[in-house]
Amino acid sequence: MTIKDIMNDEVHMVMPQDTLEKTLSIMESKKLNGLPVVNEEKQLVGFIVKADIYRFLGVTGHYETCPVEWAMSKDVVTAMPEETVKEAAKRLRNHNIIGMPVMENGRVVGMISLENIVDLYISNN
């Protein structure tokens, strides 16, 4: 089974200049733990997870105005649609991350997460 068989292909993305407040609102409303960060050309420039945002919650004033680019990870681990689910699971585990953007032709085409892999395991057992 490949990543494209289980990935989320409805990808929500934010831009580096978007605020952490807006980003967390998207994550909460869509029940997501992380989002790809893209530039105007929709090229991947980072990834942000809730833990990145939570670091800023205690600093007065920063949450509402702080841009995503201040909190995002710039060294993003990615996957390709044709990789196996096992390869994706190993990469998630080895990098201690919860999800990865799935890339094709330089564009984000999906997301693969621990939840996708757990759901696959549950449905097969």
PDB file of N, CA and C in Angstrom:
ATOM      1  N   MET A   1       0.849  -1.178   0.000  1.00  0.00           N
ATOM      2  CA  MET A   1       0.000   0.000   0.000  1.00  0.00           C
ATOM      3  C   MET A   1       0.895   1.242   0.000  1.00  0.00           C
ATOM      4  N   THR A   2       0.479   2.239  -0.767  1.00  0.00           N
ATOM      5  CA  THR A   2       1.288   3.462  -0.875  1.00  0.00           C
ATOM      6  C   THR A   2       0.659   4.600  -0.068  1.00  0.00           C
ATOM      7  N   ILE A   3       1.448   5.633   0.106  1.00  0.00           N
ATOM      8  CA  ILE A   3       0.992   6.811   0.841  1.00  0.00           C
ATOM      9  C   ILE A   3      -0.249   7.417   0.186  1.00  0.00           C
ATOM     10  N   LYS A   4      -0.267   7.453  -1.147  1.00  0.00           N
ATOM     11  CA  LYS A   4      -1.410   8.092  -1.818  1.00  0.00           C
ATOM     12  C   LYS A   4      -2.724   7.369  -1.523  1.00  0.00           C
ATOM     13  N   ASP A   5      -2.646   6.090  -1.110  1.00  0.00           N
ATOM     14  CA  ASP A   5      -3.851   5.335  -0.784  1.00  0.00           C
ATOM     15  C   ASP A   5      -4.489   5.781   0.527  1.00  0.00           C
ATOM     16  N   ILE A   6      -3.711   6.368   1.421  1.00  0.00           N
ATOM     17  CA  ILE A   6      -4.261   6.730   2.736  1.00  0.00           C
ATOM     18  C   ILE A   6      -4.059   8.195   3.121  1.00  0.00           C
ATOM     19  N   MET A   7      -3.340   8.964   2.307  1.00  0.00           N
ATOM     20  CA  MET A   7      -3.055  10.359   2.673  1.00  0.00           C
ATOM     21  C   MET A   7      -4.314  11.216   2.608  1.00  0.00           C
ATOM     22  N   ASN A   8      -4.267  12.316   3.318  1.00  0.00           N
ATOM     23  CA  ASN A   8      -5.321  13.326   3.205  1.00  0.00           C
ATOM     24  C   ASN A   8      -4.973  14.174   1.989  1.00  0.00           C
ATOM     25  N   ASP A   9      -5.860  14.229   1.022  1.00  0.00           N
ATOM     26  CA  ASP A   9      -5.561  15.050  -0.151  1.00  0.00           C
ATOM     27  C   ASP A   9      -6.270  16.399  -0.119  1.00  0.00           C
ATOM     28  N   GLU A  10      -7.021  16.646   0.932  1.00  0.00           N
ATOM     29  CA  GLU A  10      -7.578  17.984   1.159  1.00  0.00           C
ATOM     30  C   GLU A  10      -6.623  18.688   2.116  1.00  0.00           C
ATOM     31  N   VAL A  11      -5.690  19.440   1.542  1.00  0.00           N
ATOM     32  CA  VAL A  11      -4.615  20.031   2.332  1.00  0.00           C
ATOM     33  C   VAL A  11      -4.918  21.495   2.642  1.00  0.00           C
ATOM     34  N   HIS A  12      -4.883  21.807   3.913  1.00  0.00           N
ATOM     35  CA  HIS A  12      -5.004  23.193   4.359  1.00  0.00           C
ATOM     36  C   HIS A  12      -3.597  23.713   4.571  1.00  0.00           C
ATOM     37  N   MET A  13      -3.325  24.926   4.121  1.00  0.00           N
ATOM     38  CA  MET A  13      -1.990  25.498   4.211  1.00  0.00           C
ATOM     39  C   MET A  13      -2.081  26.920   4.741  1.00  0.00           C
ATOM     40  N   VAL A  14      -0.979  27.374   5.308  1.00  0.00           N
ATOM     41  CA  VAL A  14      -0.867  28.763   5.738  1.00  0.00           C
ATOM     42  C   VAL A  14       0.364  29.361   5.086  1.00  0.00           C
ATOM     43  N   MET A  15       0.455  30.681   5.169  1.00  0.00           N
ATOM     44  CA  MET A  15       1.592  31.395   4.604  1.00  0.00           C
ATOM     45  C   MET A  15       2.450  31.942   5.742  1.00  0.00           C
ATOM     46  N   PRO A  16       3.724  32.214   5.474  1.00  0.00           N
ATOM     47  CA  PRO A  16       4.628  32.668   6.530  1.00  0.00           C
ATOM     48  C   PRO A  16       4.154  33.909   7.270  1.00  0.00           C
ATOM     49  N   GLN A  17       3.449  34.794   6.602  1.00  0.00           N
ATOM     50  CA  GLN A  17       3.000  36.031   7.233  1.00  0.00           C
ATOM     51  C   GLN A  17       1.675  35.885   7.996  1.00  0.00           C
ATOM     52  N   ASP A  18       0.998  34.750   7.867  1.00  0.00           N
ATOM     53  CA  ASP A  18      -0.230  34.528   8.628  1.00  0.00           C
ATOM     54  C   ASP A  18       0.096  34.509  10.120  1.00  0.00           C
ATOM     55  N   THR A  19      -0.859  34.896  10.944  1.00  0.00           N
ATOM     56  CA  THR A  19      -0.614  34.929  12.385  1.00  0.00           C
ATOM     57  C   THR A  19      -0.784  33.542  13.004  1.00  0.00           C
ATOM     58  N   LEU A  20      -0.172  33.382  14.171  1.00  0.00           N
ATOM     59  CA  LEU A  20      -0.330  32.138  14.912  1.00  0.00           C
ATOM     60  C   LEU A  20      -1.785  31.957  15.326  1.00  0.00           C
ATOM     61  N   GLU A  21      -2.460  33.050  15.648  1.00  0.00           N
ATOM     62  CA  GLU A  21      -3.866  32.986  16.041  1.00  0.00           C
ATOM     63  C   GLU A  21      -4.704  32.394  14.905  1.00  0.00           C
ATOM     64  N   LYS A  22      -4.520  32.903  13.684  1.00  0.00           N
ATOM     65  CA  LYS A  22      -5.247  32.398  12.519  1.00  0.00           C
ATOM     66  C   LYS A  22      -4.905  30.925  12.273  1.00  0.00           C
ATOM     67  N   THR A  23      -3.631  30.585  12.394  1.00  0.00           N
ATOM     68  CA  THR A  23      -3.174  29.223  12.143  1.00  0.00           C
ATOM     69  C   THR A  23      -3.769  28.238  13.136  1.00  0.00           C
ATOM     70  N   LEU A  24      -3.761  28.593  14.420  1.00  0.00           N
ATOM     71  CA  LEU A  24      -4.341  27.708  15.425  1.00  0.00           C
ATOM     72  C   LEU A  24      -5.844  27.576  15.216  1.00  0.00           C
ATOM     73  N   SER A  25      -6.491  28.648  14.800  1.00  0.00           N
ATOM     74  CA  SER A  25      -7.924  28.604  14.516  1.00  0.00           C
ATOM     75  C   SER A  25      -8.225  27.603  13.395  1.00  0.00           C
ATOM     76  N   ILE A  26      -7.404  27.596  12.345  1.00  0.00           N
ATOM     77  CA  ILE A  26      -7.577  26.634  11.249  1.00  0.00           C
ATOM     78  C   ILE A  26      -7.371  25.219  11.766  1.00  0.00           C
ATOM     79  N   MET A  27      -6.311  25.023  12.551  1.00  0.00           N
ATOM     80  CA  MET A  27      -6.024  23.691  13.088  1.00  0.00           C
ATOM     81  C   MET A  27      -7.175  23.179  13.943  1.00  0.00           C
ATOM     82  N   GLU A  28      -7.699  24.047  14.798  1.00  0.00           N
ATOM     83  CA  GLU A  28      -8.802  23.648  15.678  1.00  0.00           C
ATOM     84  C   GLU A  28     -10.068  23.344  14.885  1.00  0.00           C
ATOM     85  N   SER A  29     -10.412  24.198  13.932  1.00  0.00           N
ATOM     86  CA  SER A  29     -11.660  24.004  13.190  1.00  0.00           C
ATOM     87  C   SER A  29     -11.604  22.780  12.272  1.00  0.00           C
ATOM     88  N   LYS A  30     -10.409  22.454  11.781  1.00  0.00           N
ATOM     89  CA  LYS A  30     -10.262  21.311  10.869  1.00  0.00           C
ATOM     90  C   LYS A  30      -9.747  20.059  11.574  1.00  0.00           C
ATOM     91  N   LYS A  31      -9.535  20.167  12.909  1.00  0.00           N
ATOM     92  CA  LYS A  31      -9.034  19.041  13.711  1.00  0.00           C
ATOM     93  C   LYS A  31      -7.693  18.521  13.178  1.00  0.00           C
ATOM     94  N   LEU A  32      -6.756  19.458  12.979  1.00  0.00           N
ATOM     95  CA  LEU A  32      -5.424  19.143  12.470  1.00  0.00           C
ATOM     96  C   LEU A  32      -4.377  19.456  13.529  1.00  0.00           C
ATOM     97  N   ASN A  33      -3.277  18.737  13.496  1.00  0.00           N
ATOM     98  CA  ASN A  33      -2.178  18.987  14.428  1.00  0.00           C
ATOM     99  C   ASN A  33      -1.035  19.748  13.788  1.00  0.00           C
ATOM    100  N   GLY A  34      -1.016  19.835  12.465  1.00  0.00           N
ATOM    101  CA  GLY A  34       0.054  20.534  11.775  1.00  0.00           C
ATOM    102  C   GLY A  34      -0.379  20.992  10.402  1.00  0.00           C
ATOM    103  N   LEU A  35       0.312  22.016   9.904  1.00  0.00           N
ATOM    104  CA  LEU A  35      -0.009  22.572   8.587  1.00  0.00           C
ATOM    105  C   LEU A  35       1.262  22.889   7.804  1.00  0.00           C
ATOM    106  N   PRO A  36       1.261  22.614   6.503  1.00  0.00           N
ATOM    107  CA  PRO A  36       2.363  23.070   5.666  1.00  0.00           C
ATOM    108  C   PRO A  36       2.314  24.597   5.555  1.00  0.00           C
ATOM    109  N   VAL A  37       3.474  25.196   5.458  1.00  0.00           N
ATOM    110  CA  VAL A  37       3.584  26.636   5.245  1.00  0.00           C
ATOM    111  C   VAL A  37       4.129  26.822   3.831  1.00  0.00           C
ATOM    112  N   VAL A  38       3.414  27.594   3.014  1.00  0.00           N
ATOM    113  CA  VAL A  38       3.795  27.781   1.616  1.00  0.00           C
ATOM    114  C   VAL A  38       3.920  29.265   1.292  1.00  0.00           C
ATOM    115  N   ASN A  39       4.704  29.552   0.247  1.00  0.00           N
ATOM    116  CA  ASN A  39       4.835  30.935  -0.215  1.00  0.00           C
ATOM    117  C   ASN A  39       3.752  31.234  -1.257  1.00  0.00           C
ATOM    118  N   GLU A  40       3.837  32.394  -1.874  1.00  0.00           N
ATOM    119  CA  GLU A  40       2.821  32.813  -2.851  1.00  0.00           C
ATOM    120  C   GLU A  40       2.731  31.860  -4.043  1.00  0.00           C
ATOM    121  N   GLU A  41       3.834  31.188  -4.364  1.00  0.00           N
ATOM    122  CA  GLU A  41       3.847  30.241  -5.483  1.00  0.00           C
ATOM    123  C   GLU A  41       3.427  28.842  -5.047  1.00  0.00           C
ATOM    124  N   LYS A  42       2.948  28.718  -3.802  1.00  0.00           N
ATOM    125  CA  LYS A  42       2.512  27.439  -3.220  1.00  0.00           C
ATOM    126  C   LYS A  42       3.670  26.457  -3.037  1.00  0.00           C
ATOM    127  N   GLN A  43       4.894  26.972  -2.945  1.00  0.00           N
ATOM    128  CA  GLN A  43       6.052  26.125  -2.676  1.00  0.00           C
ATOM    129  C   GLN A  43       6.215  25.983  -1.167  1.00  0.00           C
ATOM    130  N   LEU A  44       6.560  24.791  -0.726  1.00  0.00           N
ATOM    131  CA  LEU A  44       6.726  24.503   0.684  1.00  0.00           C
ATOM    132  C   LEU A  44       7.931  25.258   1.246  1.00  0.00           C
ATOM    133  N   VAL A  45       7.704  26.025   2.322  1.00  0.00           N
ATOM    134  CA  VAL A  45       8.800  26.751   2.969  1.00  0.00           C
ATOM    135  C   VAL A  45       8.936  26.387   4.444  1.00  0.00           C
ATOM    136  N   GLY A  46       7.965  25.624   4.972  1.00  0.00           N
ATOM    137  CA  GLY A  46       8.039  25.235   6.375  1.00  0.00           C
ATOM    138  C   GLY A  46       6.856  24.375   6.771  1.00  0.00           C
ATOM    139  N   PHE A  47       6.844  24.043   8.058  1.00  0.00           N
ATOM    140  CA  PHE A  47       5.758  23.249   8.627  1.00  0.00           C
ATOM    141  C   PHE A  47       5.559  23.733  10.048  1.00  0.00           C
ATOM    142  N   ILE A  48       4.302  23.855  10.476  1.00  0.00           N
ATOM    143  CA  ILE A  48       4.020  24.321  11.830  1.00  0.00           C
ATOM    144  C   ILE A  48       3.057  23.349  12.506  1.00  0.00           C
ATOM    145  N   VAL A  49       3.345  23.038  13.764  1.00  0.00           N
ATOM    146  CA  VAL A  49       2.491  22.161  14.559  1.00  0.00           C
ATOM    147  C   VAL A  49       2.002  22.934  15.781  1.00  0.00           C
ATOM    148  N   LYS A  50       0.982  22.391  16.426  1.00  0.00           N
ATOM    149  CA  LYS A  50       0.413  23.071  17.589  1.00  0.00           C
ATOM    150  C   LYS A  50       1.457  23.380  18.652  1.00  0.00           C
ATOM    151  N   ALA A  51       2.388  22.466  18.876  1.00  0.00           N
ATOM    152  CA  ALA A  51       3.419  22.694  19.897  1.00  0.00           C
ATOM    153  C   ALA A  51       4.239  23.944  19.590  1.00  0.00           C
ATOM    154  N   ASP A  52       4.484  24.221  18.303  1.00  0.00           N
ATOM    155  CA  ASP A  52       5.203  25.435  17.918  1.00  0.00           C
ATOM    156  C   ASP A  52       4.423  26.672  18.358  1.00  0.00           C
ATOM    157  N   ILE A  53       3.113  26.619  18.192  1.00  0.00           N
ATOM    158  CA  ILE A  53       2.253  27.755  18.542  1.00  0.00           C
ATOM    159  C   ILE A  53       2.137  27.902  20.057  1.00  0.00           C
ATOM    160  N   TYR A  54       1.994  26.784  20.760  1.00  0.00           N
ATOM    161  CA  TYR A  54       1.819  26.829  22.214  1.00  0.00           C
ATOM    162  C   TYR A  54       2.984  27.515  22.913  1.00  0.00           C
ATOM    163  N   ARG A  55       4.176  27.463  22.326  1.00  0.00           N
ATOM    164  CA  ARG A  55       5.329  28.156  22.923  1.00  0.00           C
ATOM    165  C   ARG A  55       5.095  29.660  23.013  1.00  0.00           C
ATOM    166  N   PHE A  56       4.279  30.201  22.126  1.00  0.00           N
ATOM    167  CA  PHE A  56       4.049  31.640  22.089  1.00  0.00           C
ATOM    168  C   PHE A  56       2.835  32.083  22.913  1.00  0.00           C
ATOM    169  N   LEU A  57       2.021  31.156  23.362  1.00  0.00           N
ATOM    170  CA  LEU A  57       0.791  31.509  24.074  1.00  0.00           C
ATOM    171  C   LEU A  57       1.062  32.255  25.373  1.00  0.00           C
ATOM    172  N   GLY A  58       2.176  31.975  26.017  1.00  0.00           N
ATOM    173  CA  GLY A  58       2.474  32.618  27.300  1.00  0.00           C
ATOM    174  C   GLY A  58       3.076  33.998  27.181  1.00  0.00           C
ATOM    175  N   VAL A  59       3.413  34.425  25.980  1.00  0.00           N
ATOM    176  CA  VAL A  59       4.029  35.730  25.782  1.00  0.00           C
ATOM    177  C   VAL A  59       2.950  36.712  25.340  1.00  0.00           C
ATOM    178  N   THR A  60       2.617  37.646  26.216  1.00  0.00           N
ATOM    179  CA  THR A  60       1.545  38.601  25.943  1.00  0.00           C
ATOM    180  C   THR A  60       1.783  39.347  24.633  1.00  0.00           C
ATOM    181  N   GLY A  61       0.748  39.368  23.814  1.00  0.00           N
ATOM    182  CA  GLY A  61       0.793  40.125  22.573  1.00  0.00           C
ATOM    183  C   GLY A  61       1.328  39.360  21.380  1.00  0.00           C
ATOM    184  N   HIS A  62       2.148  38.357  21.619  1.00  0.00           N
ATOM    185  CA  HIS A  62       2.753  37.653  20.486  1.00  0.00           C
ATOM    186  C   HIS A  62       1.779  36.747  19.750  1.00  0.00           C
ATOM    187  N   TYR A  63       0.898  36.103  20.456  1.00  0.00           N
ATOM    188  CA  TYR A  63       0.000  35.131  19.843  1.00  0.00           C
ATOM    189  C   TYR A  63      -0.844  35.752  18.741  1.00  0.00           C
ATOM    190  N   GLU A  64      -1.382  36.929  19.007  1.00  0.00           N
ATOM    191  CA  GLU A  64      -2.284  37.566  18.039  1.00  0.00           C
ATOM    192  C   GLU A  64      -1.551  38.153  16.844  1.00  0.00           C
ATOM    193  N   THR A  65      -0.284  38.519  17.014  1.00  0.00           N
ATOM    194  CA  THR A  65       0.425  39.235  15.957  1.00  0.00           C
ATOM    195  C   THR A  65       1.633  38.500  15.393  1.00  0.00           C
ATOM    196  N   CYS A  66       2.120  37.516  16.082  1.00  0.00           N
ATOM    197  CA  CYS A  66       3.332  36.811  15.653  1.00  0.00           C
ATOM    198  C   CYS A  66       3.080  36.058  14.350  1.00  0.00           C
ATOM    199  N   PRO A  67       3.944  36.247  13.343  1.00  0.00           N
ATOM    200  CA  PRO A  67       3.763  35.509  12.091  1.00  0.00           C
ATOM    201  C   PRO A  67       4.223  34.060  12.225  1.00  0.00           C
ATOM    202  N   VAL A  68       3.636  33.229  11.423  1.00  0.00           N
ATOM    203  CA  VAL A  68       3.958  31.803  11.388  1.00  0.00           C
ATOM    204  C   VAL A  68       5.457  31.577  11.195  1.00  0.00           C
ATOM    205  N   GLU A  69       6.087  32.396  10.352  1.00  0.00           N
ATOM    206  CA  GLU A  69       7.500  32.168  10.034  1.00  0.00           C
ATOM    207  C   GLU A  69       8.402  32.240  11.264  1.00  0.00           C
ATOM    208  N   TRP A  70       7.967  32.894  12.339  1.00  0.00           N
ATOM    209  CA  TRP A  70       8.768  32.958  13.561  1.00  0.00           C
ATOM    210  C   TRP A  70       8.734  31.639  14.328  1.00  0.00           C
ATOM    211  N   ALA A  71       7.698  30.839  14.130  1.00  0.00           N
ATOM    212  CA  ALA A  71       7.518  29.630  14.927  1.00  0.00           C
ATOM    213  C   ALA A  71       7.650  28.340  14.122  1.00  0.00           C
ATOM    214  N   MET A  72       7.572  28.409  12.813  1.00  0.00           N
ATOM    215  CA  MET A  72       7.556  27.204  11.984  1.00  0.00           C
ATOM    216  C   MET A  72       8.921  26.523  11.938  1.00  0.00           C
ATOM    217  N   SER A  73       8.891  25.242  11.602  1.00  0.00           N
ATOM    218  CA  SER A  73      10.116  24.496  11.318  1.00  0.00           C
ATOM    219  C   SER A  73      10.436  24.695   9.847  1.00  0.00           C
ATOM    220  N   LYS A  74      11.686  25.002   9.554  1.00  0.00           N
ATOM    221  CA  LYS A  74      12.072  25.224   8.160  1.00  0.00           C
ATOM    222  C   LYS A  74      12.688  23.982   7.529  1.00  0.00           C
ATOM    223  N   ASP A  75      13.161  23.056   8.350  1.00  0.00           N
ATOM    224  CA  ASP A  75      13.730  21.804   7.862  1.00  0.00           C
ATOM    225  C   ASP A  75      12.603  20.769   7.869  1.00  0.00           C
ATOM    226  N   VAL A  76      11.879  20.680   6.760  1.00  0.00           N
ATOM    227  CA  VAL A  76      10.669  19.875   6.694  1.00  0.00           C
ATOM    228  C   VAL A  76      10.957  18.497   6.099  1.00  0.00           C
ATOM    229  N   VAL A  77      10.502  17.478   6.808  1.00  0.00           N
ATOM    230  CA  VAL A  77      10.587  16.102   6.317  1.00  0.00           C
ATOM    231  C   VAL A  77       9.354  15.873   5.451  1.00  0.00           C
ATOM    232  N   THR A  78       9.565  15.382   4.234  1.00  0.00           N
ATOM    233  CA  THR A  78       8.447  15.185   3.302  1.00  0.00           C
ATOM    234  C   THR A  78       8.406  13.749   2.802  1.00  0.00           C
ATOM    235  N   ALA A  79       7.335  13.437   2.106  1.00  0.00           N
ATOM    236  CA  ALA A  79       7.145  12.119   1.512  1.00  0.00           C
ATOM    237  C   ALA A  79       6.664  12.302   0.078  1.00  0.00           C
ATOM    238  N   MET A  80       6.677  11.199  -0.658  1.00  0.00           N
ATOM    239  CA  MET A  80       6.167  11.191  -2.027  1.00  0.00           C
ATOM    240  C   MET A  80       5.011  10.204  -2.114  1.00  0.00           C
ATOM    241  N   PRO A  81       4.026  10.453  -2.970  1.00  0.00           N
ATOM    242  CA  PRO A  81       2.814   9.624  -3.030  1.00  0.00           C
ATOM    243  C   PRO A  81       3.060   8.133  -3.249  1.00  0.00           C
ATOM    244  N   GLU A  82       4.082   7.776  -3.999  1.00  0.00           N
ATOM    245  CA  GLU A  82       4.312   6.372  -4.351  1.00  0.00           C
ATOM    246  C   GLU A  82       5.099   5.590  -3.297  1.00  0.00           C
ATOM    247  N   GLU A  83       5.558   6.266  -2.233  1.00  0.00           N
ATOM    248  CA  GLU A  83       6.268   5.553  -1.163  1.00  0.00           C
ATOM    249  C   GLU A  83       5.292   4.643  -0.426  1.00  0.00           C
ATOM    250  N   THR A  84       5.826   3.603   0.175  1.00  0.00           N
ATOM    251  CA  THR A  84       4.964   2.699   0.930  1.00  0.00           C
ATOM    252  C   THR A  84       4.593   3.322   2.276  1.00  0.00           C
ATOM    253  N   VAL A  85       3.502   2.845   2.829  1.00  0.00           N
ATOM    254  CA  VAL A  85       3.067   3.300   4.144  1.00  0.00           C
ATOM    255  C   VAL A  85       4.132   2.949   5.190  1.00  0.00           C
ATOM    256  N   LYS A  86       4.756   1.800   5.020  1.00  0.00           N
ATOM    257  CA  LYS A  86       5.812   1.390   5.956  1.00  0.00           C
ATOM    258  C   LYS A  86       6.972   2.382   5.928  1.00  0.00           C
ATOM    259  N   GLU A  87       7.364   2.826   4.734  1.00  0.00           N
ATOM    260  CA  GLU A  87       8.437   3.819   4.629  1.00  0.00           C
ATOM    261  C   GLU A  87       8.049   5.116   5.337  1.00  0.00           C
ATOM    262  N   ALA A  88       6.811   5.535   5.158  1.00  0.00           N
ATOM    263  CA  ALA A  88       6.334   6.761   5.806  1.00  0.00           C
ATOM    264  C   ALA A  88       6.329   6.604   7.322  1.00  0.00           C
ATOM    265  N   ALA A  89       5.848   5.455   7.791  1.00  0.00           N
ATOM    266  CA  ALA A  89       5.799   5.202   9.233  1.00  0.00           C
ATOM    267  C   ALA A  89       7.202   5.242   9.831  1.00  0.00           C
ATOM    268  N   LYS A  90       8.162   4.638   9.160  1.00  0.00           N
ATOM    269  CA  LYS A  90       9.546   4.658   9.644  1.00  0.00           C
ATOM    270  C   LYS A  90      10.089   6.080   9.706  1.00  0.00           C
ATOM    271  N   ARG A  91       9.814   6.877   8.678  1.00  0.00           N
ATOM    272  CA  ARG A  91      10.309   8.248   8.643  1.00  0.00           C
ATOM    273  C   ARG A  91       9.674   9.082   9.751  1.00  0.00           C
ATOM    274  N   LEU A  92       8.376   8.925   9.958  1.00  0.00           N
ATOM    275  CA  LEU A  92       7.710   9.644  11.048  1.00  0.00           C
ATOM    276  C   LEU A  92       8.351   9.287  12.382  1.00  0.00           C
ATOM    277  N   ARG A  93       8.560   8.014  12.593  1.00  0.00           N
ATOM    278  CA  ARG A  93       9.145   7.544  13.856  1.00  0.00           C
ATOM    279  C   ARG A  93      10.592   8.002  14.016  1.00  0.00           C
ATOM    280  N   ASN A  94      11.387   7.854  12.968  1.00  0.00           N
ATOM    281  CA  ASN A  94      12.801   8.228  13.033  1.00  0.00           C
ATOM    282  C   ASN A  94      13.012   9.717  13.287  1.00  0.00           C
ATOM    283  N   HIS A  95      12.091  10.539  12.789  1.00  0.00           N
ATOM    284  CA  HIS A  95      12.210  11.987  12.972  1.00  0.00           C
ATOM    285  C   HIS A  95      11.369  12.499  14.140  1.00  0.00           C
ATOM    286  N   ASN A  96      10.653  11.570  14.792  1.00  0.00           N
ATOM    287  CA  ASN A  96       9.815  11.920  15.940  1.00  0.00           C
ATOM    288  C   ASN A  96       8.841  13.054  15.589  1.00  0.00           C
ATOM    289  N   ILE A  97       8.129  12.871  14.476  1.00  0.00           N
ATOM    290  CA  ILE A  97       7.165  13.874  14.015  1.00  0.00           C
ATOM    291  C   ILE A  97       5.789  13.235  13.855  1.00  0.00           C
ATOM    292  N   ILE A  98       4.754  14.088  13.770  1.00  0.00           N
ATOM    293  CA  ILE A  98       3.379  13.594  13.711  1.00  0.00           C
ATOM    294  C   ILE A  98       2.815  13.523  12.295  1.00  0.00           C
ATOM    295  N   GLY A  99       3.453  14.211  11.359  1.00  0.00           N
ATOM    296  CA  GLY A  99       2.943  14.215   9.996  1.00  0.00           C
ATOM    297  C   GLY A  99       3.938  14.813   9.028  1.00  0.00           C
ATOM    298  N   MET A 100       3.707  14.553   7.742  1.00  0.00           N
ATOM    299  CA  MET A 100       4.587  15.054   6.688  1.00  0.00           C
ATOM    300  C   MET A 100       3.762  15.506   5.496  1.00  0.00           C
ATOM    301  N   PRO A 101       4.164  16.597   4.871  1.00  0.00           N
ATOM    302  CA  PRO A 101       3.561  16.947   3.590  1.00  0.00           C
ATOM    303  C   PRO A 101       3.966  15.915   2.535  1.00  0.00           C
ATOM    304  N   VAL A 102       3.048  15.595   1.651  1.00  0.00           N
ATOM    305  CA  VAL A 102       3.325  14.694   0.540  1.00  0.00           C
ATOM    306  C   VAL A 102       3.531  15.585  -0.683  1.00  0.00           C
ATOM    307  N   MET A 103       4.699  15.425  -1.315  1.00  0.00           N
ATOM    308  CA  MET A 103       5.108  16.317  -2.391  1.00  0.00           C
ATOM    309  C   MET A 103       5.108  15.597  -3.740  1.00  0.00           C
ATOM    310  N   GLU A 104       4.703  16.329  -4.782  1.00  0.00           N
ATOM    311  CA  GLU A 104       4.768  15.827  -6.148  1.00  0.00           C
ATOM    312  C   GLU A 104       4.998  17.012  -7.064  1.00  0.00           C
ATOM    313  N   ASN A 105       6.035  16.931  -7.880  1.00  0.00           N
ATOM    314  CA  ASN A 105       6.388  18.027  -8.796  1.00  0.00           C
ATOM    315  C   ASN A 105       6.563  19.357  -8.068  1.00  0.00           C
ATOM    316  N   GLY A 106       7.169  19.304  -6.882  1.00  0.00           N
ATOM    317  CA  GLY A 106       7.451  20.517  -6.135  1.00  0.00           C
ATOM    318  C   GLY A 106       6.265  21.141  -5.424  1.00  0.00           C
ATOM    319  N   ARG A 107       5.142  20.481  -5.409  1.00  0.00           N
ATOM    320  CA  ARG A 107       3.928  21.008  -4.778  1.00  0.00           C
ATOM    321  C   ARG A 107       3.412  20.055  -3.711  1.00  0.00           C
ATOM    322  N   VAL A 108       2.754  20.616  -2.710  1.00  0.00           N
ATOM    323  CA  VAL A 108       2.119  19.808  -1.673  1.00  0.00           C
ATOM    324  C   VAL A 108       0.819  19.248  -2.245  1.00  0.00           C
ATOM    325  N   VAL A 109       0.709  17.912  -2.274  1.00  0.00           N
ATOM    326  CA  VAL A 109      -0.488  17.273  -2.822  1.00  0.00           C
ATOM    327  C   VAL A 109      -1.272  16.504  -1.758  1.00  0.00           C
ATOM    328  N   GLY A 110      -0.719  16.445  -0.561  1.00  0.00           N
ATOM    329  CA  GLY A 110      -1.404  15.717   0.502  1.00  0.00           C
ATOM    330  C   GLY A 110      -0.631  15.792   1.795  1.00  0.00           C
ATOM    331  N   MET A 111      -1.184  15.138   2.806  1.00  0.00           N
ATOM    332  CA  MET A 111      -0.543  15.024   4.116  1.00  0.00           C
ATOM    333  C   MET A 111      -0.661  13.582   4.566  1.00  0.00           C
ATOM    334  N   ILE A 112       0.399  13.073   5.161  1.00  0.00           N
ATOM    335  CA  ILE A 112       0.371  11.752   5.771  1.00  0.00           C
ATOM    336  C   ILE A 112       0.683  11.947   7.250  1.00  0.00           C
ATOM    337  N   SER A 113      -0.130  11.326   8.103  1.00  0.00           N
ATOM    338  CA  SER A 113       0.047  11.536   9.539  1.00  0.00           C
ATOM    339  C   SER A 113      -0.008  10.208  10.281  1.00  0.00           C
ATOM    340  N   LEU A 114       0.384  10.274  11.533  1.00  0.00           N
ATOM    341  CA  LEU A 114       0.269   9.096  12.388  1.00  0.00           C
ATOM    342  C   LEU A 114      -1.168   8.605  12.427  1.00  0.00           C
ATOM    343  N   GLU A 115      -2.114   9.520  12.435  1.00  0.00           N
ATOM    344  CA  GLU A 115      -3.523   9.140  12.463  1.00  0.00           C
ATOM    345  C   GLU A 115      -3.908   8.311  11.249  1.00  0.00           C
ATOM    346  N   ASN A 116      -3.403   8.687  10.063  1.00  0.00           N
ATOM    347  CA  ASN A 116      -3.680   7.910   8.850  1.00  0.00           C
ATOM    348  C   ASN A 116      -3.179   6.478   8.992  1.00  0.00           C
ATOM    349  N   ILE A 117      -1.999   6.330   9.551  1.00  0.00           N
ATOM    350  CA  ILE A 117      -1.390   5.009   9.693  1.00  0.00           C
ATOM    351  C   ILE A 117      -2.119   4.191  10.755  1.00  0.00           C
ATOM    352  N   VAL A 118      -2.498   4.815  11.866  1.00  0.00           N
ATOM    353  CA  VAL A 118      -3.262   4.119  12.902  1.00  0.00           C
ATOM    354  C   VAL A 118      -4.619   3.697  12.348  1.00  0.00           C
ATOM    355  N   ASP A 119      -5.284   4.572  11.612  1.00  0.00           N
ATOM    356  CA  ASP A 119      -6.577   4.225  11.012  1.00  0.00           C
ATOM    357  C   ASP A 119      -6.448   3.029  10.071  1.00  0.00           C
ATOM    358  N   LEU A 120      -5.384   2.988   9.299  1.00  0.00           N
ATOM    359  CA  LEU A 120      -5.142   1.856   8.398  1.00  0.00           C
ATOM    360  C   LEU A 120      -4.959   0.580   9.204  1.00  0.00           C
ATOM    361  N   TYR A 121      -4.177   0.644  10.252  1.00  0.00           N
ATOM    362  CA  TYR A 121      -3.949  -0.527  11.103  1.00  0.00           C
ATOM    363  C   TYR A 121      -5.256  -1.024  11.704  1.00  0.00           C
ATOM    364  N   ILE A 122      -6.063  -0.100  12.222  1.00  0.00           N
ATOM    365  CA  ILE A 122      -7.343  -0.473  12.843  1.00  0.00           C
ATOM    366  C   ILE A 122      -8.266  -1.114  11.814  1.00  0.00           C
ATOM    367  N   SER A 123      -8.334  -0.563  10.617  1.00  0.00           N
ATOM    368  CA  SER A 123      -9.247  -1.093   9.605  1.00  0.00           C
ATOM    369  C   SER A 123      -8.810  -2.461   9.089  1.00  0.00           C
ATOM    370  N   ASN A 124      -7.539  -2.793   9.224  1.00  0.00           N
ATOM    371  CA  ASN A 124      -7.027  -4.082   8.754  1.00  0.00           C
ATOM    372  C   ASN A 124      -7.011  -5.150   9.831  1.00  0.00           C
ATOM    373  N   ASN A 125      -7.389  -4.798  11.047  1.00  0.00           N
ATOM    374  CA  ASN A 125      -7.358  -5.777  12.147  1.00  0.00           C
ATOM    375  C   ASN A 125      -8.699  -5.897  12.829  1.00  0.00           C
TER     376      ASN A 125
END
